[in-house]
Amino acid sequence: MSVGPRIAVAVVTMGTRPEEVDALLASVAKQDVAPERIVIVGNGCPLPEFAERLGLPGEVTAIEVDENLGCPGGRNVALRRLREFGDVDIVVELDDDGLLIDPDVLRTVRDLYAVDPRLGIVGFRIADENGETQRRHVPRLGAKDPLRGGEVTCFLGGGHALSMEMLAQTGDWPAEFFFAHEETDLAWRAADAGWTIRYEPQLLLQHPKTSPARHAIYYRVTARNRVWLVRRRLPLPLIPVHLAVWIALTLVRTRSVGGLRAWFGGFVEGLRASAGERRPMRWKTVWRLTRLGRPPVI
């Protein structure tokens, strides 16, 4: 019988990393606190048998969907199934090419949620096989120290934990984003609803060193989703400020002419296409995010 919040683990895969998925699930099986459930979603791909072959703990559910729904869409499939089961309090979502190095990750997650009823999101530290954390994986503006934990305003999609109670209030992932900025959309909703977001560097997910630009759709979708994000979540006076800042940053950072062309195409798409439900955060939340070091105009 479990003590404290009940934990599930969810993994979404496109079937292109079978060895990495096996290794990840084996690292989940080695945790000193077993998850109540493990849900694996095949995002437009068939799934092999996992439970007996890898000796997985808890109830294991494999779900195959007909098409690739993107990372947030695939995670929503897992969340819907967990909600149907109704017997977990926390879901730990892990990238399919990640690896839990330490055996106490789930126990630490459980203990963090047990002592803070308003803890909504816990972000893991991402490091490569050499122990290096990329600057973009430190969830603080201008932060250099990946070992500094505490309350933050954003989190990493590669490894994190979510409160099911929080999701019942905020809603699930923005499936229409497909890829990019979905974490910020969820984080801003969580913050606006009064939930705490924490970065806990002792929760380590080993992940290969990569660049987000490896995805063919990176520039277009990043720009489109940036526009959608601010149209959905920012107070009106902040929208042009935020977009002006990101246009300037993109011009400075992007070296590829093709990348810039794709980015501005996505930007225009974000302005023209429906952004979905507009639910802007309160000014009180804007101030809270600013006080925590990440003003929403940056």
C-alpha atoms as a PDB file:
ATOM      1  CA  MET A   1       0.000   0.000   0.000  1.00  0.00           C
ATOM      2  CA  SER A   2       1.489   3.351  -1.057  1.00  0.00           C
ATOM      3  CA  VAL A   3       2.202   6.146   1.414  1.00  0.00           C
ATOM      4  CA  GLY A   4       1.596   9.701   0.272  1.00  0.00           C
ATOM      5  CA  PRO A   5       0.577  10.867  -3.196  1.00  0.00           C
ATOM      6  CA  ARG A   6       0.141   8.089  -5.750  1.00  0.00           C
ATOM      7  CA  ILE A   7       2.433   8.412  -8.765  1.00  0.00           C
ATOM      8  CA  ALA A   8       2.081   7.395 -12.395  1.00  0.00           C
ATOM      9  CA  VAL A   9       4.745   7.546 -15.098  1.00  0.00           C
ATOM     10  CA  ALA A  10       3.833   8.537 -18.668  1.00  0.00           C
ATOM     11  CA  VAL A  11       6.037   8.174 -21.758  1.00  0.00           C
ATOM     12  CA  VAL A  12       5.158   9.212 -25.313  1.00  0.00           C
ATOM     13  CA  THR A  13       7.129   7.714 -28.190  1.00  0.00           C
ATOM     14  CA  MET A  14       7.022   7.741 -31.992  1.00  0.00           C
ATOM     15  CA  GLY A  15       8.607   4.291 -32.145  1.00  0.00           C
ATOM     16  CA  THR A  16      11.936   5.569 -33.472  1.00  0.00           C
ATOM     17  CA  ARG A  17      13.919   4.910 -30.267  1.00  0.00           C
ATOM     18  CA  PRO A  18      13.073   1.383 -29.129  1.00  0.00           C
ATOM     19  CA  GLU A  19      16.347   0.776 -27.280  1.00  0.00           C
ATOM     20  CA  GLU A  20      16.159   4.128 -25.494  1.00  0.00           C
ATOM     21  CA  VAL A  21      12.551   3.494 -24.442  1.00  0.00           C
ATOM     22  CA  ASP A  22      13.516   0.105 -23.038  1.00  0.00           C
ATOM     23  CA  ALA A  23      16.393   1.673 -21.089  1.00  0.00           C
ATOM     24  CA  LEU A  24      14.148   4.441 -19.746  1.00  0.00           C
ATOM     25  CA  LEU A  25      11.468   2.010 -18.588  1.00  0.00           C
ATOM     26  CA  ALA A  26      14.133  -0.233 -17.022  1.00  0.00           C
ATOM     27  CA  SER A  27      15.337   2.803 -15.028  1.00  0.00           C
ATOM     28  CA  VAL A  28      11.741   3.384 -13.885  1.00  0.00           C
ATOM     29  CA  ALA A  29      11.566  -0.252 -12.770  1.00  0.00           C
ATOM     30  CA  LYS A  30      14.665   0.304 -10.596  1.00  0.00           C
ATOM     31  CA  GLN A  31      13.068   3.121  -8.584  1.00  0.00           C
ATOM     32  CA  ASP A  32      12.860   2.453  -4.846  1.00  0.00           C
ATOM     33  CA  VAL A  33       9.264   3.717  -4.892  1.00  0.00           C
ATOM     34  CA  ALA A  34       7.280   1.967  -7.591  1.00  0.00           C
ATOM     35  CA  PRO A  35       4.724   3.906  -9.641  1.00  0.00           C
ATOM     36  CA  GLU A  36       1.106   2.864  -9.329  1.00  0.00           C
ATOM     37  CA  ARG A  37       0.764   2.955 -13.111  1.00  0.00           C
ATOM     38  CA  ILE A  38       2.910   3.295 -16.212  1.00  0.00           C
ATOM     39  CA  VAL A  39       1.294   4.554 -19.413  1.00  0.00           C
ATOM     40  CA  ILE A  40       3.152   4.379 -22.738  1.00  0.00           C
ATOM     41  CA  VAL A  41       1.625   6.140 -25.742  1.00  0.00           C
ATOM     42  CA  GLY A  42       2.588   5.131 -29.275  1.00  0.00           C
ATOM     43  CA  ASN A  43       2.263   8.427 -31.138  1.00  0.00           C
ATOM     44  CA  GLY A  44       1.221   7.126 -34.542  1.00  0.00           C
ATOM     45  CA  CYS A  45       3.169   3.887 -34.134  1.00  0.00           C
ATOM     46  CA  PRO A  46       2.701   0.316 -32.859  1.00  0.00           C
ATOM     47  CA  LEU A  47       4.136  -0.603 -29.470  1.00  0.00           C
ATOM     48  CA  PRO A  48       5.923  -3.777 -28.375  1.00  0.00           C
ATOM     49  CA  GLU A  49       5.089  -5.629 -25.173  1.00  0.00           C
ATOM     50  CA  PHE A  50       6.786  -3.954 -22.221  1.00  0.00           C
ATOM     51  CA  ALA A  51       5.511  -5.196 -18.864  1.00  0.00           C
ATOM     52  CA  GLU A  52       6.721  -8.791 -18.648  1.00  0.00           C
ATOM     53  CA  ARG A  53       9.742  -8.343 -20.887  1.00  0.00           C
ATOM     54  CA  LEU A  54      11.169  -5.517 -18.747  1.00  0.00           C
ATOM     55  CA  GLY A  55       9.700  -6.572 -15.400  1.00  0.00           C
ATOM     56  CA  LEU A  56       7.844  -3.291 -14.982  1.00  0.00           C
ATOM     57  CA  PRO A  57       6.090  -2.525 -11.686  1.00  0.00           C
ATOM     58  CA  GLY A  58       2.503  -1.413 -11.201  1.00  0.00           C
ATOM     59  CA  GLU A  59      -0.209  -1.499 -13.843  1.00  0.00           C
ATOM     60  CA  VAL A  60       1.192  -0.994 -17.341  1.00  0.00           C
ATOM     61  CA  THR A  61      -1.012   0.429 -20.086  1.00  0.00           C
ATOM     62  CA  ALA A  62       0.081   0.743 -23.717  1.00  0.00           C
ATOM     63  CA  ILE A  63      -1.992   3.018 -25.967  1.00  0.00           C
ATOM     64  CA  GLU A  64      -1.542   3.223 -29.727  1.00  0.00           C
ATOM     65  CA  VAL A  65      -2.971   6.246 -31.557  1.00  0.00           C
ATOM     66  CA  ASP A  66      -3.407   6.354 -35.328  1.00  0.00           C
ATOM     67  CA  GLU A  67      -1.446   9.526 -35.999  1.00  0.00           C
ATOM     68  CA  ASN A  68       1.366  11.536 -34.484  1.00  0.00           C
ATOM     69  CA  LEU A  69      -0.417  14.039 -32.217  1.00  0.00           C
ATOM     70  CA  GLY A  70       2.763  15.846 -31.251  1.00  0.00           C
ATOM     71  CA  CYS A  71       4.270  15.799 -27.808  1.00  0.00           C
ATOM     72  CA  PRO A  72       1.465  17.684 -25.988  1.00  0.00           C
ATOM     73  CA  GLY A  73      -1.258  15.770 -27.822  1.00  0.00           C
ATOM     74  CA  GLY A  74       0.330  12.433 -26.956  1.00  0.00           C
ATOM     75  CA  ARG A  75       0.684  13.422 -23.318  1.00  0.00           C
ATOM     76  CA  ASN A  76      -2.983  14.360 -23.223  1.00  0.00           C
ATOM     77  CA  VAL A  77      -3.851  10.836 -24.351  1.00  0.00           C
ATOM     78  CA  ALA A  78      -1.990   9.468 -21.328  1.00  0.00           C
ATOM     79  CA  LEU A  79      -3.599  12.013 -18.989  1.00  0.00           C
ATOM     80  CA  ARG A  80      -7.098  11.145 -20.181  1.00  0.00           C
ATOM     81  CA  ARG A  81      -6.490   7.468 -19.511  1.00  0.00           C
ATOM     82  CA  LEU A  82      -5.071   8.193 -16.056  1.00  0.00           C
ATOM     83  CA  ARG A  83      -8.081  10.360 -15.299  1.00  0.00           C
ATOM     84  CA  GLU A  84     -10.341   7.472 -16.282  1.00  0.00           C
ATOM     85  CA  PHE A  85      -8.497   5.195 -13.856  1.00  0.00           C
ATOM     86  CA  GLY A  86      -8.849   7.841 -11.160  1.00  0.00           C
ATOM     87  CA  ASP A  87      -6.268   6.340  -8.818  1.00  0.00           C
ATOM     88  CA  VAL A  88      -3.176   8.556  -9.179  1.00  0.00           C
ATOM     89  CA  ASP A  89      -2.366  12.002  -7.800  1.00  0.00           C
ATOM     90  CA  ILE A  90       0.874  12.850  -9.611  1.00  0.00           C
ATOM     91  CA  VAL A  91       2.062  12.034 -13.116  1.00  0.00           C
ATOM     92  CA  VAL A  92       5.758  12.023 -14.000  1.00  0.00           C
ATOM     93  CA  GLU A  93       6.243  12.603 -17.730  1.00  0.00           C
ATOM     94  CA  LEU A  94       9.568  11.611 -19.282  1.00  0.00           C
ATOM     95  CA  ASP A  95      11.087  11.985 -22.757  1.00  0.00           C
ATOM     96  CA  ASP A  96      11.445   8.629 -24.478  1.00  0.00           C
ATOM     97  CA  ASP A  97      15.233   9.077 -24.854  1.00  0.00           C
ATOM     98  CA  GLY A  98      15.778  10.081 -21.235  1.00  0.00           C
ATOM     99  CA  LEU A  99      17.124   7.971 -18.385  1.00  0.00           C
ATOM    100  CA  LEU A 100      16.633   8.099 -14.613  1.00  0.00           C
ATOM    101  CA  ILE A 101      20.105   7.672 -13.124  1.00  0.00           C
ATOM    102  CA  ASP A 102      19.217   7.728  -9.421  1.00  0.00           C
ATOM    103  CA  PRO A 103      16.851   5.196  -7.828  1.00  0.00           C
ATOM    104  CA  ASP A 104      15.106   7.714  -5.558  1.00  0.00           C
ATOM    105  CA  VAL A 105      13.567  10.060  -8.136  1.00  0.00           C
ATOM    106  CA  LEU A 106       9.960   8.967  -7.646  1.00  0.00           C
ATOM    107  CA  ARG A 107      10.361   8.892  -3.864  1.00  0.00           C
ATOM    108  CA  THR A 108      11.678  12.472  -3.910  1.00  0.00           C
ATOM    109  CA  VAL A 109       8.786  13.565  -6.116  1.00  0.00           C
ATOM    110  CA  ARG A 110       6.310  11.899  -3.763  1.00  0.00           C
ATOM    111  CA  ASP A 111       7.857  13.587  -0.716  1.00  0.00           C
ATOM    112  CA  LEU A 112       7.857  17.034  -2.339  1.00  0.00           C
ATOM    113  CA  TYR A 113       4.154  16.840  -3.119  1.00  0.00           C
ATOM    114  CA  ALA A 114       3.353  15.367   0.292  1.00  0.00           C
ATOM    115  CA  VAL A 115       4.559  18.484   2.108  1.00  0.00           C
ATOM    116  CA  ASP A 116       3.118  21.150  -0.246  1.00  0.00           C
ATOM    117  CA  PRO A 117      -0.550  20.860  -1.245  1.00  0.00           C
ATOM    118  CA  ARG A 118      -0.190  23.784  -3.696  1.00  0.00           C
ATOM    119  CA  LEU A 119       2.773  22.321  -5.545  1.00  0.00           C
ATOM    120  CA  GLY A 120       1.633  22.055  -9.141  1.00  0.00           C
ATOM    121  CA  ILE A 121       4.714  21.352 -11.253  1.00  0.00           C
ATOM    122  CA  VAL A 122       8.175  19.997 -10.459  1.00  0.00           C
ATOM    123  CA  GLY A 123      10.836  20.381 -13.124  1.00  0.00           C
ATOM    124  CA  PHE A 124      13.776  17.969 -13.331  1.00  0.00           C
ATOM    125  CA  ARG A 125      17.383  18.820 -14.137  1.00  0.00           C
ATOM    126  CA  ILE A 126      18.396  17.689 -17.622  1.00  0.00           C
ATOM    127  CA  ALA A 127      22.027  16.662 -18.111  1.00  0.00           C
ATOM    128  CA  ASP A 128      23.860  14.716 -20.806  1.00  0.00           C
ATOM    129  CA  GLU A 129      25.940  11.590 -20.255  1.00  0.00           C
ATOM    130  CA  ASN A 130      28.883  13.811 -19.205  1.00  0.00           C
ATOM    131  CA  GLY A 131      26.812  15.546 -16.535  1.00  0.00           C
ATOM    132  CA  GLU A 132      26.565  18.821 -18.483  1.00  0.00           C
ATOM    133  CA  THR A 133      23.356  20.839 -18.418  1.00  0.00           C
ATOM    134  CA  GLN A 134      22.805  23.090 -21.419  1.00  0.00           C
ATOM    135  CA  ARG A 135      22.168  26.749 -20.642  1.00  0.00           C
ATOM    136  CA  ARG A 136      18.725  26.581 -22.263  1.00  0.00           C
ATOM    137  CA  HIS A 137      17.776  23.815 -19.801  1.00  0.00           C
ATOM    138  CA  VAL A 138      18.218  26.021 -16.728  1.00  0.00           C
ATOM    139  CA  PRO A 139      14.737  27.467 -16.065  1.00  0.00           C
ATOM    140  CA  ARG A 140      15.852  30.948 -15.022  1.00  0.00           C
ATOM    141  CA  LEU A 141      16.602  33.990 -17.133  1.00  0.00           C
ATOM    142  CA  GLY A 142      20.366  34.363 -17.445  1.00  0.00           C
ATOM    143  CA  ALA A 143      20.991  31.561 -14.943  1.00  0.00           C
ATOM    144  CA  LYS A 144      24.307  29.752 -15.070  1.00  0.00           C
ATOM    145  CA  ASP A 145      24.064  27.392 -12.097  1.00  0.00           C
ATOM    146  CA  PRO A 146      21.980  24.287 -12.918  1.00  0.00           C
ATOM    147  CA  LEU A 147      22.252  23.117  -9.303  1.00  0.00           C
ATOM    148  CA  ARG A 148      20.306  26.046  -7.877  1.00  0.00           C
ATOM    149  CA  GLY A 149      16.763  24.925  -7.169  1.00  0.00           C
ATOM    150  CA  GLY A 150      13.655  26.681  -5.938  1.00  0.00           C
ATOM    151  CA  GLU A 151      10.501  28.320  -7.215  1.00  0.00           C
ATOM    152  CA  VAL A 152      10.557  29.206 -10.916  1.00  0.00           C
ATOM    153  CA  THR A 153       8.154  30.320 -13.634  1.00  0.00           C
ATOM    154  CA  CYS A 154       8.756  27.607 -16.249  1.00  0.00           C
ATOM    155  CA  PHE A 155       9.876  24.003 -16.540  1.00  0.00           C
ATOM    156  CA  LEU A 156      11.352  21.508 -18.980  1.00  0.00           C
ATOM    157  CA  GLY A 157       9.196  19.137 -20.966  1.00  0.00           C
ATOM    158  CA  GLY A 158      11.837  16.390 -20.954  1.00  0.00           C
ATOM    159  CA  GLY A 159      11.316  15.476 -17.308  1.00  0.00           C
ATOM    160  CA  HIS A 160       8.758  16.843 -14.883  1.00  0.00           C
ATOM    161  CA  ALA A 161       5.912  15.977 -12.531  1.00  0.00           C
ATOM    162  CA  LEU A 162       2.373  17.381 -12.650  1.00  0.00           C
ATOM    163  CA  SER A 163      -0.367  17.426 -10.041  1.00  0.00           C
ATOM    164  CA  MET A 164      -3.544  15.819 -11.350  1.00  0.00           C
ATOM    165  CA  GLU A 165      -5.534  18.169  -9.114  1.00  0.00           C
ATOM    166  CA  MET A 166      -3.802  21.125 -10.747  1.00  0.00           C
ATOM    167  CA  LEU A 167      -4.575  19.810 -14.231  1.00  0.00           C
ATOM    168  CA  ALA A 168      -8.238  19.448 -13.292  1.00  0.00           C
ATOM    169  CA  GLN A 169      -8.210  23.202 -12.654  1.00  0.00           C
ATOM    170  CA  THR A 170      -5.908  24.467 -15.410  1.00  0.00           C
ATOM    171  CA  GLY A 171      -6.695  22.026 -18.191  1.00  0.00           C
ATOM    172  CA  ASP A 172      -4.234  19.752 -19.998  1.00  0.00           C
ATOM    173  CA  TRP A 173      -1.526  20.429 -22.571  1.00  0.00           C
ATOM    174  CA  PRO A 174      -2.316  22.682 -25.585  1.00  0.00           C
ATOM    175  CA  ALA A 175      -2.453  19.888 -28.173  1.00  0.00           C
ATOM    176  CA  GLU A 176      -2.693  22.314 -31.090  1.00  0.00           C
ATOM    177  CA  PHE A 177       0.873  23.533 -30.359  1.00  0.00           C
ATOM    178  CA  PHE A 178       2.198  20.095 -31.460  1.00  0.00           C
ATOM    179  CA  PHE A 179       5.739  21.059 -30.452  1.00  0.00           C
ATOM    180  CA  ALA A 180       7.340  24.123 -28.765  1.00  0.00           C
ATOM    181  CA  HIS A 181       6.180  26.498 -26.023  1.00  0.00           C
ATOM    182  CA  GLU A 182       3.551  24.105 -24.667  1.00  0.00           C
ATOM    183  CA  GLU A 183       5.386  24.072 -21.305  1.00  0.00           C
ATOM    184  CA  THR A 184       5.155  27.857 -21.003  1.00  0.00           C
ATOM    185  CA  ASP A 185       1.435  27.818 -21.799  1.00  0.00           C
ATOM    186  CA  LEU A 186       0.816  25.276 -19.040  1.00  0.00           C
ATOM    187  CA  ALA A 187       3.178  27.012 -16.597  1.00  0.00           C
ATOM    188  CA  TRP A 188       1.462  30.375 -17.022  1.00  0.00           C
ATOM    189  CA  ARG A 189      -1.949  28.790 -16.453  1.00  0.00           C
ATOM    190  CA  ALA A 190      -0.659  27.036 -13.346  1.00  0.00           C
ATOM    191  CA  ALA A 191       0.868  30.220 -11.948  1.00  0.00           C
ATOM    192  CA  ASP A 192      -2.303  32.183 -12.645  1.00  0.00           C
ATOM    193  CA  ALA A 193      -4.330  29.568 -10.751  1.00  0.00           C
ATOM    194  CA  GLY A 194      -2.053  29.947  -7.717  1.00  0.00           C
ATOM    195  CA  TRP A 195       0.015  26.772  -8.104  1.00  0.00           C
ATOM    196  CA  THR A 196       3.745  26.650  -7.392  1.00  0.00           C
ATOM    197  CA  ILE A 197       6.331  25.592  -9.983  1.00  0.00           C
ATOM    198  CA  ARG A 198       9.614  24.253  -8.593  1.00  0.00           C
ATOM    199  CA  TYR A 199      12.911  23.349 -10.182  1.00  0.00           C
ATOM    200  CA  GLU A 200      14.547  20.491  -8.275  1.00  0.00           C
ATOM    201  CA  PRO A 201      18.073  19.818  -9.604  1.00  0.00           C
ATOM    202  CA  GLN A 202      18.481  16.627  -7.543  1.00  0.00           C
ATOM    203  CA  LEU A 203      15.842  15.079  -9.803  1.00  0.00           C
ATOM    204  CA  LEU A 204      18.113  14.169 -12.692  1.00  0.00           C
ATOM    205  CA  LEU A 205      17.063  12.987 -16.125  1.00  0.00           C
ATOM    206  CA  GLN A 206      19.995  12.028 -18.308  1.00  0.00           C
ATOM    207  CA  HIS A 207      19.298  13.100 -21.871  1.00  0.00           C
ATOM    208  CA  PRO A 208      21.473  13.238 -24.997  1.00  0.00           C
ATOM    209  CA  LYS A 209      22.807  16.683 -25.849  1.00  0.00           C
ATOM    210  CA  THR A 210      20.636  18.001 -28.654  1.00  0.00           C
ATOM    211  CA  SER A 211      19.544  21.163 -30.424  1.00  0.00           C
ATOM    212  CA  PRO A 212      15.829  21.926 -30.836  1.00  0.00           C
ATOM    213  CA  ALA A 213      16.608  23.058 -34.386  1.00  0.00           C
ATOM    214  CA  ARG A 214      17.159  19.383 -35.313  1.00  0.00           C
ATOM    215  CA  HIS A 215      13.411  19.211 -35.957  1.00  0.00           C
ATOM    216  CA  ALA A 216      12.492  20.223 -39.505  1.00  0.00           C
ATOM    217  CA  ILE A 217       9.506  22.213 -38.285  1.00  0.00           C
ATOM    218  CA  TYR A 218      11.416  24.000 -35.529  1.00  0.00           C
ATOM    219  CA  TYR A 219      11.557  27.577 -36.839  1.00  0.00           C
ATOM    220  CA  ARG A 220       8.006  27.735 -38.184  1.00  0.00           C
ATOM    221  CA  VAL A 221       6.290  26.077 -35.220  1.00  0.00           C
ATOM    222  CA  THR A 222       8.365  27.968 -32.647  1.00  0.00           C
ATOM    223  CA  ALA A 223       7.301  31.295 -34.151  1.00  0.00           C
ATOM    224  CA  ARG A 224       3.656  30.304 -34.639  1.00  0.00           C
ATOM    225  CA  ASN A 225       3.361  29.001 -31.094  1.00  0.00           C
ATOM    226  CA  ARG A 226       5.072  32.066 -29.644  1.00  0.00           C
ATOM    227  CA  VAL A 227       2.352  34.230 -31.179  1.00  0.00           C
ATOM    228  CA  TRP A 228      -0.378  31.829 -30.072  1.00  0.00           C
ATOM    229  CA  LEU A 229       1.039  31.753 -26.553  1.00  0.00           C
ATOM    230  CA  VAL A 230       0.889  35.507 -26.036  1.00  0.00           C
ATOM    231  CA  ARG A 231      -2.479  35.851 -27.771  1.00  0.00           C
ATOM    232  CA  ARG A 232      -3.886  33.262 -25.362  1.00  0.00           C
ATOM    233  CA  ARG A 233      -2.193  34.215 -22.095  1.00  0.00           C
ATOM    234  CA  LEU A 234      -0.889  37.799 -21.914  1.00  0.00           C
ATOM    235  CA  PRO A 235      -2.828  40.979 -21.059  1.00  0.00           C
ATOM    236  CA  LEU A 236      -3.340  42.999 -24.226  1.00  0.00           C
ATOM    237  CA  PRO A 237      -0.785  45.787 -23.487  1.00  0.00           C
ATOM    238  CA  LEU A 238       1.995  43.212 -23.102  1.00  0.00           C
ATOM    239  CA  ILE A 239       1.413  41.356 -26.383  1.00  0.00           C
ATOM    240  CA  PRO A 240       3.186  43.816 -28.740  1.00  0.00           C
ATOM    241  CA  VAL A 241       6.007  44.293 -26.236  1.00  0.00           C
ATOM    242  CA  HIS A 242       6.638  40.564 -25.938  1.00  0.00           C
ATOM    243  CA  LEU A 243       6.510  39.992 -29.706  1.00  0.00           C
ATOM    244  CA  ALA A 244       8.799  42.947 -30.411  1.00  0.00           C
ATOM    245  CA  VAL A 245      11.375  41.564 -27.977  1.00  0.00           C
ATOM    246  CA  TRP A 246      11.260  38.127 -29.608  1.00  0.00           C
ATOM    247  CA  ILE A 247      11.501  39.498 -33.151  1.00  0.00           C
ATOM    248  CA  ALA A 248      14.659  41.356 -32.096  1.00  0.00           C
ATOM    249  CA  LEU A 249      16.121  38.283 -30.376  1.00  0.00           C
ATOM    250  CA  THR A 250      15.378  36.110 -33.398  1.00  0.00           C
ATOM    251  CA  LEU A 251      17.113  38.533 -35.762  1.00  0.00           C
ATOM    252  CA  VAL A 252      20.195  38.520 -33.542  1.00  0.00           C
ATOM    253  CA  ARG A 253      20.348  34.787 -32.846  1.00  0.00           C
ATOM    254  CA  THR A 254      19.310  33.169 -36.135  1.00  0.00           C
ATOM    255  CA  ARG A 255      22.148  32.792 -38.622  1.00  0.00           C
ATOM    256  CA  SER A 256      20.270  30.856 -41.291  1.00  0.00           C
ATOM    257  CA  VAL A 257      18.387  32.799 -43.964  1.00  0.00           C
ATOM    258  CA  GLY A 258      16.137  29.771 -44.458  1.00  0.00           C
ATOM    259  CA  GLY A 259      15.545  29.628 -40.731  1.00  0.00           C
ATOM    260  CA  LEU A 260      14.552  33.298 -40.621  1.00  0.00           C
ATOM    261  CA  ARG A 261      12.219  32.836 -43.573  1.00  0.00           C
ATOM    262  CA  ALA A 262      10.534  29.866 -41.872  1.00  0.00           C
ATOM    263  CA  TRP A 263      10.347  31.748 -38.562  1.00  0.00           C
ATOM    264  CA  PHE A 264       8.603  34.772 -40.063  1.00  0.00           C
ATOM    265  CA  GLY A 265       6.272  32.475 -42.007  1.00  0.00           C
ATOM    266  CA  GLY A 266       5.295  30.859 -38.733  1.00  0.00           C
ATOM    267  CA  PHE A 267       4.926  34.290 -37.120  1.00  0.00           C
ATOM    268  CA  VAL A 268       2.415  35.343 -39.766  1.00  0.00           C
ATOM    269  CA  GLU A 269       0.610  32.020 -39.392  1.00  0.00           C
ATOM    270  CA  GLY A 270       0.333  32.654 -35.650  1.00  0.00           C
ATOM    271  CA  LEU A 271      -1.285  36.028 -36.304  1.00  0.00           C
ATOM    272  CA  ARG A 272      -3.748  34.726 -38.887  1.00  0.00           C
ATOM    273  CA  ALA A 273      -4.758  31.338 -37.463  1.00  0.00           C
ATOM    274  CA  SER A 274      -6.962  30.863 -34.444  1.00  0.00           C
ATOM    275  CA  ALA A 275      -4.988  30.722 -31.207  1.00  0.00           C
ATOM    276  CA  GLY A 276      -7.756  28.931 -29.338  1.00  0.00           C
ATOM    277  CA  GLU A 277      -9.324  30.084 -26.121  1.00  0.00           C
ATOM    278  CA  ARG A 278      -8.043  33.416 -24.819  1.00  0.00           C
ATOM    279  CA  ARG A 279      -7.627  33.293 -21.051  1.00  0.00           C
ATOM    280  CA  PRO A 280      -5.102  36.021 -20.153  1.00  0.00           C
ATOM    281  CA  MET A 281      -3.304  35.888 -16.844  1.00  0.00           C
ATOM    282  CA  ARG A 282      -4.068  38.450 -14.181  1.00  0.00           C
ATOM    283  CA  TRP A 283      -1.768  41.413 -13.594  1.00  0.00           C
ATOM    284  CA  LYS A 284      -1.130  39.943 -10.156  1.00  0.00           C
ATOM    285  CA  THR A 285       0.374  36.903 -11.868  1.00  0.00           C
ATOM    286  CA  VAL A 286       2.444  39.092 -14.206  1.00  0.00           C
ATOM    287  CA  TRP A 287       3.953  40.753 -11.153  1.00  0.00           C
ATOM    288  CA  ARG A 288       4.575  37.388  -9.488  1.00  0.00           C
ATOM    289  CA  LEU A 289       6.419  36.067 -12.547  1.00  0.00           C
ATOM    290  CA  THR A 290       8.442  39.271 -12.761  1.00  0.00           C
ATOM    291  CA  ARG A 291       9.354  39.059  -9.093  1.00  0.00           C
ATOM    292  CA  LEU A 292      10.564  35.492  -9.611  1.00  0.00           C
ATOM    293  CA  GLY A 293      12.951  36.719 -12.288  1.00  0.00           C
ATOM    294  CA  ARG A 294      11.116  35.897 -15.518  1.00  0.00           C
ATOM    295  CA  PRO A 295       8.891  38.777 -16.647  1.00  0.00           C
ATOM    296  CA  PRO A 296       6.455  37.506 -19.287  1.00  0.00           C
ATOM    297  CA  VAL A 297       7.588  40.084 -21.837  1.00  0.00           C
ATOM    298  CA  ILE A 298      10.908  38.205 -22.214  1.00  0.00           C
END
